[in-house]
C-alpha cells in the first residue's frame, strides 16, 4: 500500500481518500513515474504489512475507546512529516495522559 500526494491522479486504480491524497493503484506505474522523476520521494510513502478486522470488530473497538482518533490537521502536508515526528506531535495533542507514548520505542521489547 502507498499514499501519494501533491500530484494529479497519475496512478491507474488509485483511490482519492482525501483532498489530493491517493491510496493504492498499479505498482508498475509508480516505478515508471519515479524513474521519470514525475513523482519524488516527497510525494509518496510506502507501507508494508497487513491489518484486517472481522465484520463489526473495528466499530466495536472504536466504541470501547481502543483507538485514538484525530482529524488530519496537516492536510496536504502530512507526507512531509516523518512517521516518528508525526507520532510524537499527534500523541502530545491528546494531553498528559498520553505523553508517555511520545517516546515509546517502536518495538516495546527494546524499552
Protein backbone atom coordinates (compact mmCIF):
# COMPACT_ATOMS: atom_id res chain seq x y z
CA UNK A 1 0.00 0.00 0.00
CA UNK A 2 1.15 3.56 -0.54
CA UNK A 3 -0.06 7.09 -0.15
CA UNK A 4 0.76 9.65 -2.79
CA UNK A 5 0.14 13.34 -2.57
CA UNK A 6 0.55 16.58 -4.46
CA UNK A 7 0.28 15.10 -7.93
CA UNK A 8 -2.79 14.59 -10.06
CA UNK A 9 -4.25 11.10 -10.17
CA UNK A 10 -1.44 9.58 -12.21
CA UNK A 11 -1.73 6.05 -10.89
CA UNK A 12 -4.38 3.89 -12.50
CA UNK A 13 -6.82 2.35 -9.99
CA UNK A 14 -5.70 4.62 -7.14
CA UNK A 15 -8.40 5.97 -4.85
CA UNK A 16 -8.55 9.56 -3.59
CA UNK A 17 -9.06 9.26 0.18
CA UNK A 18 -8.66 12.95 0.98
CA UNK A 19 -8.14 16.14 -0.99
CA UNK A 20 -5.26 15.19 -3.30
CA UNK A 21 -4.19 12.19 -1.19
CA UNK A 22 -4.39 8.86 -3.03
CA UNK A 23 -4.13 5.24 -1.91
CA UNK A 24 -3.38 2.10 -3.89
CA UNK A 25 -3.01 1.69 -7.62
CA UNK A 26 -0.68 -0.08 -10.02
CA UNK A 27 2.84 -0.53 -8.68
CA UNK A 28 4.48 -0.72 -12.13
CA UNK A 29 3.12 2.74 -12.93
CA UNK A 30 4.59 4.07 -9.69
CA UNK A 31 8.02 2.67 -10.58
CA UNK A 32 7.82 4.26 -14.04
CA UNK A 33 6.81 7.67 -12.63
CA UNK A 34 9.60 7.54 -10.06
CA UNK A 35 12.09 6.61 -12.78
CA UNK A 36 10.89 9.52 -14.96
CA UNK A 37 11.04 11.94 -11.97
CA UNK A 38 7.33 12.71 -12.37
CA UNK A 39 6.93 11.84 -8.69
CA UNK A 40 9.61 12.00 -6.00
CA UNK A 41 10.18 10.53 -2.56
CA UNK A 42 8.49 13.67 -1.19
CA UNK A 43 5.23 12.71 -2.92
CA UNK A 44 4.95 9.08 -1.86
CA UNK A 45 5.13 6.86 1.21
CA UNK A 46 5.09 3.06 1.15
CA UNK A 47 3.67 0.78 3.86
CA UNK A 48 4.30 -2.92 4.31
CA UNK A 49 2.17 -5.35 6.20
CA UNK A 50 -1.45 -6.23 6.60
CA UNK A 51 -4.18 -5.30 9.03
CA UNK A 52 -7.66 -6.72 8.96
CA UNK A 53 -10.78 -6.86 11.08
CA UNK A 54 -13.81 -9.11 11.31
CA UNK A 55 -17.19 -7.61 10.48
CA UNK A 56 -18.08 -5.09 13.17
CA UNK A 57 -14.76 -5.50 15.02
CA UNK A 58 -13.38 -2.06 14.21
CA UNK A 59 -16.65 -0.38 15.21
CA UNK A 60 -16.67 -2.31 18.50
CA UNK A 61 -13.05 -1.29 19.19
CA UNK A 62 -13.97 2.33 18.47
CA UNK A 63 -16.90 2.20 20.92
CA UNK A 64 -14.58 0.65 23.54
CA UNK A 65 -12.15 3.59 23.08
CA UNK A 66 -9.43 1.22 21.87
CA UNK A 67 -8.44 3.77 19.22
CA UNK A 68 -7.26 7.35 19.46
CA UNK A 69 -8.87 9.19 16.58
CA UNK A 70 -7.64 12.54 15.32
CA UNK A 71 -8.62 14.65 12.33
CA UNK A 72 -5.83 15.15 9.79
CA UNK A 73 -4.64 18.59 10.90
CA UNK A 74 -1.76 18.52 8.43
CA UNK A 75 -3.97 18.20 5.32
CA UNK A 76 -1.75 18.10 2.20
CA UNK A 77 1.47 18.41 4.26
CA UNK A 78 1.03 15.07 6.04
CA UNK A 79 3.66 13.27 3.94
CA UNK A 80 6.27 15.90 4.81
CA UNK A 81 6.33 14.60 8.39
CA UNK A 82 8.45 11.60 9.26
CA UNK A 83 6.42 8.81 10.91
CA UNK A 84 8.18 9.27 14.27
CA UNK A 85 7.76 13.06 14.15
CA UNK A 86 4.08 12.70 13.25
CA UNK A 87 3.51 10.15 16.04
CA UNK A 88 5.08 12.38 18.71
CA UNK A 89 3.21 15.50 17.63
CA UNK A 90 -0.14 13.74 17.50
CA UNK A 91 0.30 11.98 20.84
CA UNK A 92 1.00 15.33 22.50
CA UNK A 93 -2.35 16.66 21.27
CA UNK A 94 -4.17 14.07 23.40
CA UNK A 95 -2.86 15.61 26.63
CA UNK A 96 -0.89 14.48 29.65
CA UNK A 97 -2.42 11.01 29.87
CA UNK A 98 -0.84 10.03 26.55
CA UNK A 99 2.54 11.79 26.85
CA UNK A 100 4.29 8.57 27.88
CA UNK A 101 3.64 7.22 24.36
CA UNK A 102 5.51 10.11 22.67
CA UNK A 103 8.88 8.50 23.30
CA UNK A 104 7.88 4.84 23.36
CA UNK A 105 10.17 2.69 21.21
CA UNK A 106 8.72 1.22 18.02
CA UNK A 107 9.40 -2.23 19.46
CA UNK A 108 8.26 -2.23 23.13
CA UNK A 109 10.66 -5.13 23.86
CA UNK A 110 13.52 -2.63 23.39
CA UNK A 111 12.25 -0.49 26.26
